[in-house]
N, C-alpha and C. Protein backbone atom coordinates (compact mmCIF):
# COMPACT_ATOMS: atom_id res chain seq x y z
N UNK A 1 8.12 -1.34 9.19
CA UNK A 1 9.53 -1.41 9.45
C UNK A 1 10.29 -1.35 8.15
N UNK A 2 11.35 -0.69 8.19
CA UNK A 2 12.22 -0.67 7.02
C UNK A 2 13.16 -1.86 7.13
N UNK A 3 13.35 -2.54 6.02
CA UNK A 3 14.25 -3.69 5.99
C UNK A 3 15.20 -3.49 4.82
N UNK A 4 16.33 -2.89 5.11
CA UNK A 4 17.29 -2.58 4.06
C UNK A 4 18.03 -3.82 3.55
N UNK A 5 17.87 -4.94 4.23
CA UNK A 5 18.51 -6.18 3.78
C UNK A 5 17.64 -6.92 2.77
N UNK A 6 16.35 -6.64 2.76
CA UNK A 6 15.44 -7.32 1.83
C UNK A 6 15.76 -6.90 0.40
N UNK A 7 16.00 -7.88 -0.43
CA UNK A 7 16.33 -7.60 -1.85
C UNK A 7 15.09 -7.55 -2.73
N UNK A 8 13.98 -8.10 -2.23
CA UNK A 8 12.74 -8.10 -3.00
C UNK A 8 11.55 -8.17 -2.04
N UNK A 9 10.35 -8.09 -2.58
CA UNK A 9 9.15 -8.04 -1.75
C UNK A 9 8.93 -9.37 -1.02
N UNK A 10 9.24 -10.48 -1.65
CA UNK A 10 9.10 -11.77 -0.97
C UNK A 10 9.96 -11.79 0.29
N UNK A 11 11.20 -11.33 0.20
CA UNK A 11 12.10 -11.30 1.36
C UNK A 11 11.59 -10.34 2.43
N UNK A 12 11.03 -9.21 2.00
CA UNK A 12 10.48 -8.25 2.97
C UNK A 12 9.35 -8.89 3.76
N UNK A 13 8.42 -9.53 3.05
CA UNK A 13 7.28 -10.16 3.71
C UNK A 13 7.76 -11.27 4.64
N UNK A 14 8.69 -12.10 4.18
CA UNK A 14 9.19 -13.20 5.00
C UNK A 14 9.87 -12.69 6.28
N UNK A 15 10.47 -11.52 6.22
CA UNK A 15 11.16 -10.94 7.37
C UNK A 15 10.26 -10.14 8.29
N UNK A 16 8.99 -10.04 7.95
CA UNK A 16 8.03 -9.27 8.75
C UNK A 16 7.40 -10.16 9.82
N UNK A 17 6.73 -9.53 10.78
CA UNK A 17 6.05 -10.27 11.85
C UNK A 17 5.03 -11.24 11.24
N UNK A 18 4.88 -12.38 11.87
CA UNK A 18 3.97 -13.41 11.38
C UNK A 18 2.56 -12.85 11.21
N UNK A 19 2.09 -12.02 12.14
CA UNK A 19 0.75 -11.45 12.06
C UNK A 19 0.59 -10.47 10.90
N UNK A 20 1.69 -9.88 10.47
CA UNK A 20 1.64 -8.90 9.38
C UNK A 20 1.61 -9.57 8.01
N UNK A 21 2.16 -10.74 7.89
CA UNK A 21 2.34 -11.37 6.58
C UNK A 21 1.07 -11.55 5.76
N UNK A 22 -0.04 -12.02 6.34
CA UNK A 22 -1.26 -12.16 5.51
C UNK A 22 -1.74 -10.81 4.96
N UNK A 23 -1.61 -9.76 5.74
CA UNK A 23 -2.04 -8.43 5.28
C UNK A 23 -1.11 -7.95 4.18
N UNK A 24 0.19 -8.12 4.37
CA UNK A 24 1.16 -7.70 3.35
C UNK A 24 0.93 -8.45 2.04
N UNK A 25 0.68 -9.75 2.14
CA UNK A 25 0.43 -10.55 0.93
C UNK A 25 -0.84 -10.09 0.23
N UNK A 26 -1.87 -9.79 1.01
CA UNK A 26 -3.12 -9.34 0.39
C UNK A 26 -2.96 -7.98 -0.27
N UNK A 27 -2.26 -7.07 0.39
CA UNK A 27 -2.02 -5.74 -0.22
C UNK A 27 -1.26 -5.89 -1.53
N UNK A 28 -0.26 -6.74 -1.53
CA UNK A 28 0.51 -6.98 -2.76
C UNK A 28 -0.40 -7.50 -3.86
N UNK A 29 -1.27 -8.45 -3.51
CA UNK A 29 -2.21 -9.01 -4.48
C UNK A 29 -3.16 -7.94 -5.01
N UNK A 30 -3.66 -7.09 -4.12
CA UNK A 30 -4.57 -6.01 -4.53
C UNK A 30 -3.87 -5.08 -5.53
N UNK A 31 -2.65 -4.70 -5.23
CA UNK A 31 -1.92 -3.79 -6.13
C UNK A 31 -1.70 -4.46 -7.48
N UNK A 32 -1.17 -5.68 -7.46
CA UNK A 32 -0.83 -6.37 -8.71
C UNK A 32 -2.07 -6.67 -9.56
N UNK A 33 -3.20 -6.96 -8.92
CA UNK A 33 -4.40 -7.25 -9.70
C UNK A 33 -5.08 -5.98 -10.20
N UNK A 34 -4.89 -4.87 -9.49
CA UNK A 34 -5.51 -3.61 -9.88
C UNK A 34 -4.70 -2.89 -10.95
N UNK A 35 -3.38 -2.86 -10.77
CA UNK A 35 -2.48 -2.19 -11.72
C UNK A 35 -1.41 -3.21 -12.12
N UNK A 36 -1.74 -4.15 -13.01
CA UNK A 36 -0.82 -5.23 -13.35
C UNK A 36 0.53 -4.78 -13.90
N UNK A 37 0.58 -3.62 -14.50
CA UNK A 37 1.83 -3.13 -15.08
C UNK A 37 2.68 -2.33 -14.09
N UNK A 38 2.25 -2.27 -12.84
CA UNK A 38 3.02 -1.54 -11.83
C UNK A 38 4.35 -2.26 -11.60
N UNK A 39 5.40 -1.46 -11.49
CA UNK A 39 6.74 -1.98 -11.21
C UNK A 39 6.88 -2.17 -9.70
N UNK A 40 7.29 -3.37 -9.30
CA UNK A 40 7.44 -3.70 -7.89
C UNK A 40 8.91 -3.72 -7.52
N UNK A 41 9.25 -3.04 -6.42
CA UNK A 41 10.64 -3.07 -5.96
C UNK A 41 10.71 -2.65 -4.50
N UNK A 42 11.89 -2.76 -3.95
CA UNK A 42 12.13 -2.27 -2.60
C UNK A 42 12.77 -0.89 -2.74
N UNK A 43 12.15 0.10 -2.12
CA UNK A 43 12.68 1.47 -2.10
C UNK A 43 12.61 1.97 -0.67
N UNK A 44 13.65 2.59 -0.22
CA UNK A 44 13.70 3.13 1.13
C UNK A 44 13.44 2.04 2.18
N UNK A 45 13.77 0.79 1.85
CA UNK A 45 13.62 -0.32 2.78
C UNK A 45 12.23 -0.89 2.89
N UNK A 46 11.32 -0.49 1.99
CA UNK A 46 9.94 -1.01 2.00
C UNK A 46 9.50 -1.37 0.59
N UNK A 47 8.50 -2.25 0.45
CA UNK A 47 7.94 -2.53 -0.87
C UNK A 47 7.28 -1.26 -1.43
N UNK A 48 7.61 -0.97 -2.67
CA UNK A 48 7.08 0.23 -3.31
C UNK A 48 6.72 -0.09 -4.75
N UNK A 49 5.71 0.57 -5.25
CA UNK A 49 5.20 0.32 -6.60
C UNK A 49 5.17 1.61 -7.40
N UNK A 50 5.61 1.50 -8.65
CA UNK A 50 5.61 2.64 -9.55
C UNK A 50 4.79 2.29 -10.80
N UNK A 51 4.08 3.29 -11.28
CA UNK A 51 3.35 3.17 -12.54
C UNK A 51 3.29 4.58 -13.13
N UNK A 52 4.12 4.84 -14.10
CA UNK A 52 4.25 6.19 -14.67
C UNK A 52 4.53 7.20 -13.55
N UNK A 53 5.32 6.79 -12.60
CA UNK A 53 5.62 7.61 -11.43
C UNK A 53 5.27 6.84 -10.17
N UNK A 54 5.44 7.47 -9.03
CA UNK A 54 5.17 6.80 -7.77
C UNK A 54 3.69 6.47 -7.64
N UNK A 55 3.41 5.28 -7.09
CA UNK A 55 2.04 4.83 -6.94
C UNK A 55 1.70 4.58 -5.46
N UNK A 56 2.35 3.59 -4.86
CA UNK A 56 2.01 3.23 -3.47
C UNK A 56 3.09 2.34 -2.87
N UNK A 57 3.01 2.16 -1.56
CA UNK A 57 3.92 1.26 -0.86
C UNK A 57 3.31 0.82 0.45
N UNK A 58 3.93 -0.15 1.09
CA UNK A 58 3.43 -0.60 2.39
C UNK A 58 4.59 -1.03 3.27
N UNK A 59 4.31 -1.04 4.57
CA UNK A 59 5.32 -1.47 5.53
C UNK A 59 4.65 -2.03 6.77
N UNK A 60 5.38 -2.91 7.45
CA UNK A 60 4.83 -3.52 8.66
C UNK A 60 5.41 -2.86 9.90
N UNK A 61 4.62 -2.85 10.94
CA UNK A 61 5.02 -2.29 12.22
C UNK A 61 4.64 -3.28 13.32
N UNK A 62 4.83 -2.91 14.55
CA UNK A 62 4.59 -3.81 15.69
C UNK A 62 3.15 -4.31 15.75
N UNK A 63 2.18 -3.42 15.53
CA UNK A 63 0.77 -3.79 15.70
C UNK A 63 -0.09 -3.54 14.47
N UNK A 64 0.52 -3.10 13.38
CA UNK A 64 -0.27 -2.80 12.19
C UNK A 64 0.60 -2.80 10.94
N UNK A 65 -0.08 -2.71 9.81
CA UNK A 65 0.57 -2.50 8.52
C UNK A 65 0.13 -1.14 8.03
N UNK A 66 1.04 -0.39 7.50
CA UNK A 66 0.72 0.92 6.95
C UNK A 66 0.78 0.84 5.42
N UNK A 67 -0.28 1.30 4.79
CA UNK A 67 -0.33 1.35 3.32
C UNK A 67 -0.34 2.81 2.94
N UNK A 68 0.60 3.20 2.09
CA UNK A 68 0.71 4.60 1.73
C UNK A 68 0.59 4.83 0.24
N UNK A 69 -0.04 5.92 -0.10
CA UNK A 69 -0.18 6.34 -1.49
C UNK A 69 0.85 7.42 -1.79
N UNK A 70 1.22 7.55 -3.04
CA UNK A 70 2.24 8.52 -3.43
C UNK A 70 1.71 9.95 -3.41
N UNK A 71 0.44 10.11 -3.22
CA UNK A 71 -0.15 11.46 -3.13
C UNK A 71 -1.30 11.40 -2.13
N UNK A 72 -1.63 12.53 -1.59
CA UNK A 72 -2.74 12.58 -0.63
C UNK A 72 -4.01 12.09 -1.29
N UNK A 73 -4.78 11.32 -0.55
CA UNK A 73 -6.05 10.89 -1.13
C UNK A 73 -7.18 11.78 -0.64
N UNK A 74 -8.26 11.76 -1.38
CA UNK A 74 -9.35 12.70 -1.15
C UNK A 74 -9.97 12.50 0.23
N UNK A 75 -10.46 13.59 0.78
CA UNK A 75 -11.03 13.53 2.13
C UNK A 75 -12.22 12.58 2.20
N UNK A 76 -12.99 12.44 1.13
CA UNK A 76 -14.13 11.51 1.14
C UNK A 76 -13.64 10.08 1.30
N UNK A 77 -12.52 9.74 0.67
CA UNK A 77 -11.96 8.40 0.81
C UNK A 77 -11.42 8.19 2.22
N UNK A 78 -10.76 9.19 2.74
CA UNK A 78 -10.21 9.13 4.09
C UNK A 78 -11.35 8.97 5.11
N UNK A 79 -12.43 9.73 4.93
CA UNK A 79 -13.57 9.64 5.84
C UNK A 79 -14.22 8.26 5.79
N UNK A 80 -14.35 7.71 4.58
CA UNK A 80 -14.95 6.39 4.42
C UNK A 80 -14.14 5.34 5.17
N UNK A 81 -12.82 5.41 5.05
CA UNK A 81 -11.96 4.46 5.75
C UNK A 81 -12.03 4.67 7.27
N UNK A 82 -12.04 5.91 7.69
CA UNK A 82 -12.12 6.22 9.13
C UNK A 82 -13.43 5.70 9.72
N UNK A 83 -14.52 5.84 8.98
CA UNK A 83 -15.82 5.35 9.45
C UNK A 83 -15.82 3.83 9.61
N UNK A 84 -14.97 3.16 8.86
CA UNK A 84 -14.87 1.70 8.95
C UNK A 84 -13.86 1.27 10.02
N UNK A 85 -13.29 2.23 10.74
CA UNK A 85 -12.40 1.91 11.84
C UNK A 85 -10.92 1.93 11.54
N UNK A 86 -10.55 2.43 10.37
CA UNK A 86 -9.13 2.50 10.01
C UNK A 86 -8.57 3.87 10.40
N UNK A 87 -7.37 3.88 10.90
CA UNK A 87 -6.69 5.14 11.19
C UNK A 87 -6.06 5.61 9.89
N UNK A 88 -6.29 6.88 9.56
CA UNK A 88 -5.77 7.41 8.30
C UNK A 88 -4.94 8.66 8.53
N UNK A 89 -4.06 8.90 7.57
CA UNK A 89 -3.30 10.14 7.50
C UNK A 89 -3.58 10.73 6.13
N UNK A 90 -2.87 11.76 5.75
CA UNK A 90 -3.15 12.38 4.45
C UNK A 90 -2.81 11.45 3.28
N UNK A 91 -1.84 10.53 3.49
CA UNK A 91 -1.43 9.62 2.43
C UNK A 91 -1.45 8.16 2.85
N UNK A 92 -1.87 7.87 4.08
CA UNK A 92 -1.74 6.51 4.59
C UNK A 92 -3.03 6.00 5.24
N UNK A 93 -3.10 4.69 5.29
CA UNK A 93 -4.14 4.00 6.06
C UNK A 93 -3.44 2.90 6.86
N UNK A 94 -3.75 2.84 8.15
CA UNK A 94 -3.19 1.81 9.01
C UNK A 94 -4.18 0.66 9.11
N UNK A 95 -3.67 -0.55 8.94
CA UNK A 95 -4.50 -1.74 9.03
C UNK A 95 -3.96 -2.56 10.21
N UNK A 96 -4.73 -2.59 11.29
CA UNK A 96 -4.33 -3.39 12.45
C UNK A 96 -4.43 -4.87 12.09
N UNK A 97 -3.68 -5.68 12.81
CA UNK A 97 -3.63 -7.11 12.50
C UNK A 97 -4.99 -7.79 12.62
N UNK A 98 -5.90 -7.23 13.39
CA UNK A 98 -7.23 -7.84 13.54
C UNK A 98 -8.25 -7.24 12.57
N UNK A 99 -7.81 -6.42 11.62
CA UNK A 99 -8.71 -5.82 10.63
C UNK A 99 -8.51 -6.46 9.27
N UNK A 100 -9.57 -6.44 8.48
CA UNK A 100 -9.48 -6.89 7.10
C UNK A 100 -8.89 -5.78 6.25
N UNK A 101 -8.25 -6.15 5.17
CA UNK A 101 -7.72 -5.17 4.23
C UNK A 101 -8.91 -4.51 3.51
N UNK A 102 -8.98 -3.18 3.51
CA UNK A 102 -10.07 -2.50 2.79
C UNK A 102 -9.79 -2.51 1.28
N UNK A 103 -9.87 -3.69 0.69
CA UNK A 103 -9.45 -3.90 -0.70
C UNK A 103 -10.21 -3.03 -1.69
N UNK A 104 -11.51 -2.94 -1.56
CA UNK A 104 -12.31 -2.17 -2.52
C UNK A 104 -11.89 -0.70 -2.51
N UNK A 105 -11.70 -0.14 -1.34
CA UNK A 105 -11.31 1.27 -1.23
C UNK A 105 -9.90 1.48 -1.79
N UNK A 106 -9.00 0.56 -1.48
CA UNK A 106 -7.63 0.68 -1.97
C UNK A 106 -7.60 0.58 -3.49
N UNK A 107 -8.38 -0.35 -4.05
CA UNK A 107 -8.44 -0.48 -5.52
C UNK A 107 -8.91 0.82 -6.17
N UNK A 108 -9.94 1.40 -5.60
CA UNK A 108 -10.49 2.65 -6.15
C UNK A 108 -9.44 3.76 -6.14
N UNK A 109 -8.74 3.89 -5.03
CA UNK A 109 -7.72 4.95 -4.91
C UNK A 109 -6.54 4.67 -5.84
N UNK A 110 -6.13 3.40 -5.94
CA UNK A 110 -5.03 3.04 -6.85
C UNK A 110 -5.38 3.37 -8.30
N UNK A 111 -6.60 3.05 -8.70
CA UNK A 111 -7.02 3.33 -10.08
C UNK A 111 -7.00 4.83 -10.36
N UNK A 112 -7.46 5.62 -9.41
CA UNK A 112 -7.46 7.07 -9.60
C UNK A 112 -6.03 7.60 -9.69
N UNK A 113 -5.15 7.10 -8.83
CA UNK A 113 -3.75 7.56 -8.85
C UNK A 113 -3.07 7.12 -10.15
N UNK A 114 -3.32 5.90 -10.60
CA UNK A 114 -2.74 5.42 -11.85
C UNK A 114 -3.20 6.27 -13.04
N UNK A 115 -4.48 6.62 -13.03
CA UNK A 115 -5.02 7.46 -14.12
C UNK A 115 -4.34 8.84 -14.10
N UNK A 116 -4.17 9.39 -12.92
CA UNK A 116 -3.48 10.67 -12.79
C UNK A 116 -2.06 10.55 -13.32
N UNK A 117 -1.37 9.48 -12.92
CA UNK A 117 0.00 9.27 -13.38
C UNK A 117 0.08 9.11 -14.90
N UNK A 118 -0.88 8.43 -15.48
CA UNK A 118 -0.90 8.26 -16.94
C UNK A 118 -1.01 9.62 -17.62
N UNK A 119 -1.78 10.51 -17.05
CA UNK A 119 -1.93 11.85 -17.62
C UNK A 119 -0.67 12.68 -17.52
N UNK A 120 0.19 12.31 -16.59
CA UNK A 120 1.44 13.07 -16.40
C UNK A 120 2.58 12.54 -17.25
N UNK A 121 2.42 11.33 -17.82
CA UNK A 121 3.53 10.74 -18.58
C UNK A 121 3.80 11.56 -19.83
N UNK A 122 5.00 11.52 -20.25
CA UNK A 122 5.40 12.32 -21.42
C UNK A 122 5.79 11.45 -22.55
């Protein structure tokens, strides 16, 4: 859900469904621990992270949390997540409220995207 009233990520999480909050908090922790220098802000009504360019963001919905990357992730990563029961798109993974956050896979993809972004910096 987009929350244009949220001024920061804490407010966004607090305004989300109770079932979504633990997942949102864990995703935030995964991002901050993986890319500590990532800039955290609300963009387009959702939490978004930048590191030498766009990195990732997340949002809550009625039955799941969607985690999105700023670029399409590789088909091998998408297949790995799908095999574990996650619904994926070219840039997103949906985490249902009864699923664990695929932290290891997200960390790997974040590191690859951050490295790509570092190569693009001028």
